[in-house]
């Protein structure tokens, strides 16, 4: 139930940036695509391959890209940056869970 809400917020933020006439727009969109690639990669690594160490590396990369994405979005339109914050929090929570699963196994 959480992911549909988070992806809706991301979609609205993405729309705001996509439609903006700002010199940093292309860079922000590039960051968004890169972090989304890591987002998509994490699920099969964690669930299908059950490679918890690699999944932790993937989600770490996701966080390393999602934070500057939120900052870049916020520089273009403050609302867009704020809309990414719940996603950042959820990804950070998932990273902690991933780490704990790895530590316990």
C-alpha atoms as a PDB file:
ATOM      1  CA  UNK A   1       0.000   0.000   0.000  1.00  0.00           C
ATOM      2  CA  UNK A   2       2.940   2.337   0.603  1.00  0.00           C
ATOM      3  CA  UNK A   3       4.559   2.036  -2.826  1.00  0.00           C
ATOM      4  CA  UNK A   4       1.565   3.327  -4.836  1.00  0.00           C
ATOM      5  CA  UNK A   5       1.488   6.450  -2.678  1.00  0.00           C
ATOM      6  CA  UNK A   6       5.263   6.931  -2.930  1.00  0.00           C
ATOM      7  CA  UNK A   7       5.264   6.449  -6.690  1.00  0.00           C
ATOM      8  CA  UNK A   8       2.364   8.900  -7.023  1.00  0.00           C
ATOM      9  CA  UNK A   9       4.344  11.505  -5.072  1.00  0.00           C
ATOM     10  CA  UNK A  10       7.414  10.779  -7.219  1.00  0.00           C
ATOM     11  CA  UNK A  11       5.308  11.093 -10.363  1.00  0.00           C
ATOM     12  CA  UNK A  12       4.007  14.501  -9.335  1.00  0.00           C
ATOM     13  CA  UNK A  13       7.519  15.656  -8.426  1.00  0.00           C
ATOM     14  CA  UNK A  14       8.821  14.347 -11.736  1.00  0.00           C
ATOM     15  CA  UNK A  15       6.061  16.177 -13.599  1.00  0.00           C
ATOM     16  CA  UNK A  16       6.950  19.458 -11.876  1.00  0.00           C
ATOM     17  CA  UNK A  17      10.604  19.090 -12.857  1.00  0.00           C
ATOM     18  CA  UNK A  18       9.818  17.841 -16.381  1.00  0.00           C
ATOM     19  CA  UNK A  19       7.668  20.893 -17.068  1.00  0.00           C
ATOM     20  CA  UNK A  20      10.084  23.412 -15.518  1.00  0.00           C
ATOM     21  CA  UNK A  21      12.164  25.764 -17.588  1.00  0.00           C
ATOM     22  CA  UNK A  22      15.329  25.517 -15.500  1.00  0.00           C
ATOM     23  CA  UNK A  23      18.981  24.985 -16.456  1.00  0.00           C
ATOM     24  CA  UNK A  24      19.317  22.107 -13.955  1.00  0.00           C
ATOM     25  CA  UNK A  25      16.343  20.193 -15.309  1.00  0.00           C
ATOM     26  CA  UNK A  26      18.301  17.742 -17.477  1.00  0.00           C
ATOM     27  CA  UNK A  27      20.700  16.905 -14.628  1.00  0.00           C
ATOM     28  CA  UNK A  28      17.823  16.381 -12.177  1.00  0.00           C
ATOM     29  CA  UNK A  29      16.001  14.129 -14.633  1.00  0.00           C
ATOM     30  CA  UNK A  30      19.189  12.131 -15.199  1.00  0.00           C
ATOM     31  CA  UNK A  31      19.577  11.598 -11.467  1.00  0.00           C
ATOM     32  CA  UNK A  32      15.949  10.519 -11.272  1.00  0.00           C
ATOM     33  CA  UNK A  33      16.414   7.914 -14.010  1.00  0.00           C
ATOM     34  CA  UNK A  34      19.602   6.596 -12.388  1.00  0.00           C
ATOM     35  CA  UNK A  35      18.055   6.232  -8.936  1.00  0.00           C
ATOM     36  CA  UNK A  36      14.974   4.609 -10.431  1.00  0.00           C
ATOM     37  CA  UNK A  37      17.199   2.035 -12.166  1.00  0.00           C
ATOM     38  CA  UNK A  38      18.636   1.134  -8.748  1.00  0.00           C
ATOM     39  CA  UNK A  39      15.118   1.017  -7.325  1.00  0.00           C
ATOM     40  CA  UNK A  40      14.008  -1.435 -10.004  1.00  0.00           C
ATOM     41  CA  UNK A  41      17.182  -3.520  -9.583  1.00  0.00           C
ATOM     42  CA  UNK A  42      16.824  -3.953  -5.833  1.00  0.00           C
ATOM     43  CA  UNK A  43      13.676  -6.097  -5.807  1.00  0.00           C
ATOM     44  CA  UNK A  44      14.947  -9.035  -7.897  1.00  0.00           C
ATOM     45  CA  UNK A  45      18.331  -8.965  -6.149  1.00  0.00           C
ATOM     46  CA  UNK A  46      16.741  -9.042  -2.704  1.00  0.00           C
ATOM     47  CA  UNK A  47      13.762 -11.332  -3.326  1.00  0.00           C
ATOM     48  CA  UNK A  48      14.590 -13.525  -6.313  1.00  0.00           C
ATOM     49  CA  UNK A  49      18.375 -13.917  -5.962  1.00  0.00           C
ATOM     50  CA  UNK A  50      18.175 -13.558  -2.170  1.00  0.00           C
ATOM     51  CA  UNK A  51      21.619 -11.965  -2.285  1.00  0.00           C
ATOM     52  CA  UNK A  52      21.341  -9.765   0.790  1.00  0.00           C
ATOM     53  CA  UNK A  53      24.853  -8.308   0.521  1.00  0.00           C
ATOM     54  CA  UNK A  54      24.397  -7.282  -3.099  1.00  0.00           C
ATOM     55  CA  UNK A  55      20.909  -5.979  -2.311  1.00  0.00           C
ATOM     56  CA  UNK A  56      22.400  -3.821   0.442  1.00  0.00           C
ATOM     57  CA  UNK A  57      24.937  -2.436  -2.038  1.00  0.00           C
ATOM     58  CA  UNK A  58      22.147  -1.724  -4.530  1.00  0.00           C
ATOM     59  CA  UNK A  59      19.968   0.044  -1.980  1.00  0.00           C
ATOM     60  CA  UNK A  60      23.008   1.957  -0.760  1.00  0.00           C
ATOM     61  CA  UNK A  61      23.561   3.141  -4.329  1.00  0.00           C
ATOM     62  CA  UNK A  62      19.881   3.995  -4.527  1.00  0.00           C
ATOM     63  CA  UNK A  63      20.168   6.199  -1.454  1.00  0.00           C
ATOM     64  CA  UNK A  64      23.349   7.812  -2.791  1.00  0.00           C
ATOM     65  CA  UNK A  65      21.418   8.790  -5.921  1.00  0.00           C
ATOM     66  CA  UNK A  66      18.023   9.548  -4.362  1.00  0.00           C
ATOM     67  CA  UNK A  67      19.341  12.195  -1.956  1.00  0.00           C
ATOM     68  CA  UNK A  68      20.913  14.369  -4.678  1.00  0.00           C
ATOM     69  CA  UNK A  69      17.807  13.764  -6.789  1.00  0.00           C
ATOM     70  CA  UNK A  70      15.665  15.294  -4.042  1.00  0.00           C
ATOM     71  CA  UNK A  71      18.094  18.206  -3.707  1.00  0.00           C
ATOM     72  CA  UNK A  72      18.166  18.785  -7.470  1.00  0.00           C
ATOM     73  CA  UNK A  73      14.373  18.609  -7.648  1.00  0.00           C
ATOM     74  CA  UNK A  74      14.122  21.064  -4.748  1.00  0.00           C
ATOM     75  CA  UNK A  75      16.384  23.544  -6.501  1.00  0.00           C
ATOM     76  CA  UNK A  76      14.077  23.492  -9.486  1.00  0.00           C
ATOM     77  CA  UNK A  77      10.851  23.559  -7.503  1.00  0.00           C
ATOM     78  CA  UNK A  78      10.718  23.343  -3.732  1.00  0.00           C
ATOM     79  CA  UNK A  79       7.508  21.323  -3.772  1.00  0.00           C
ATOM     80  CA  UNK A  80       9.107  18.715  -6.035  1.00  0.00           C
ATOM     81  CA  UNK A  81      11.975  18.250  -3.595  1.00  0.00           C
ATOM     82  CA  UNK A  82       9.618  17.929  -0.644  1.00  0.00           C
ATOM     83  CA  UNK A  83       7.512  15.341  -2.479  1.00  0.00           C
ATOM     84  CA  UNK A  84      10.594  13.090  -2.693  1.00  0.00           C
ATOM     85  CA  UNK A  85      11.209  13.150   1.091  1.00  0.00           C
ATOM     86  CA  UNK A  86       8.719  10.360   2.002  1.00  0.00           C
ATOM     87  CA  UNK A  87      10.369   8.165  -0.646  1.00  0.00           C
ATOM     88  CA  UNK A  88      13.796   8.883   0.861  1.00  0.00           C
ATOM     89  CA  UNK A  89      12.550   7.950   4.308  1.00  0.00           C
ATOM     90  CA  UNK A  90      11.006   4.708   3.063  1.00  0.00           C
ATOM     91  CA  UNK A  91      14.134   3.733   1.128  1.00  0.00           C
ATOM     92  CA  UNK A  92      16.253   4.449   4.216  1.00  0.00           C
ATOM     93  CA  UNK A  93      13.902   2.243   6.261  1.00  0.00           C
ATOM     94  CA  UNK A  94      14.188  -0.528   3.644  1.00  0.00           C
ATOM     95  CA  UNK A  95      17.985  -0.185   3.742  1.00  0.00           C
ATOM     96  CA  UNK A  96      17.983  -0.663   7.518  1.00  0.00           C
ATOM     97  CA  UNK A  97      15.768  -3.744   7.150  1.00  0.00           C
ATOM     98  CA  UNK A  98      18.048  -5.089   4.405  1.00  0.00           C
ATOM     99  CA  UNK A  99      21.059  -4.582   6.681  1.00  0.00           C
ATOM    100  CA  UNK A 100      19.334  -6.299   9.627  1.00  0.00           C
ATOM    101  CA  UNK A 101      18.373  -9.300   7.482  1.00  0.00           C
ATOM    102  CA  UNK A 102      21.993  -9.549   6.341  1.00  0.00           C
ATOM    103  CA  UNK A 103      23.298  -9.240   9.902  1.00  0.00           C
ATOM    104  CA  UNK A 104      20.917 -11.898  11.184  1.00  0.00           C
ATOM    105  CA  UNK A 105      21.788 -14.371   8.441  1.00  0.00           C
END
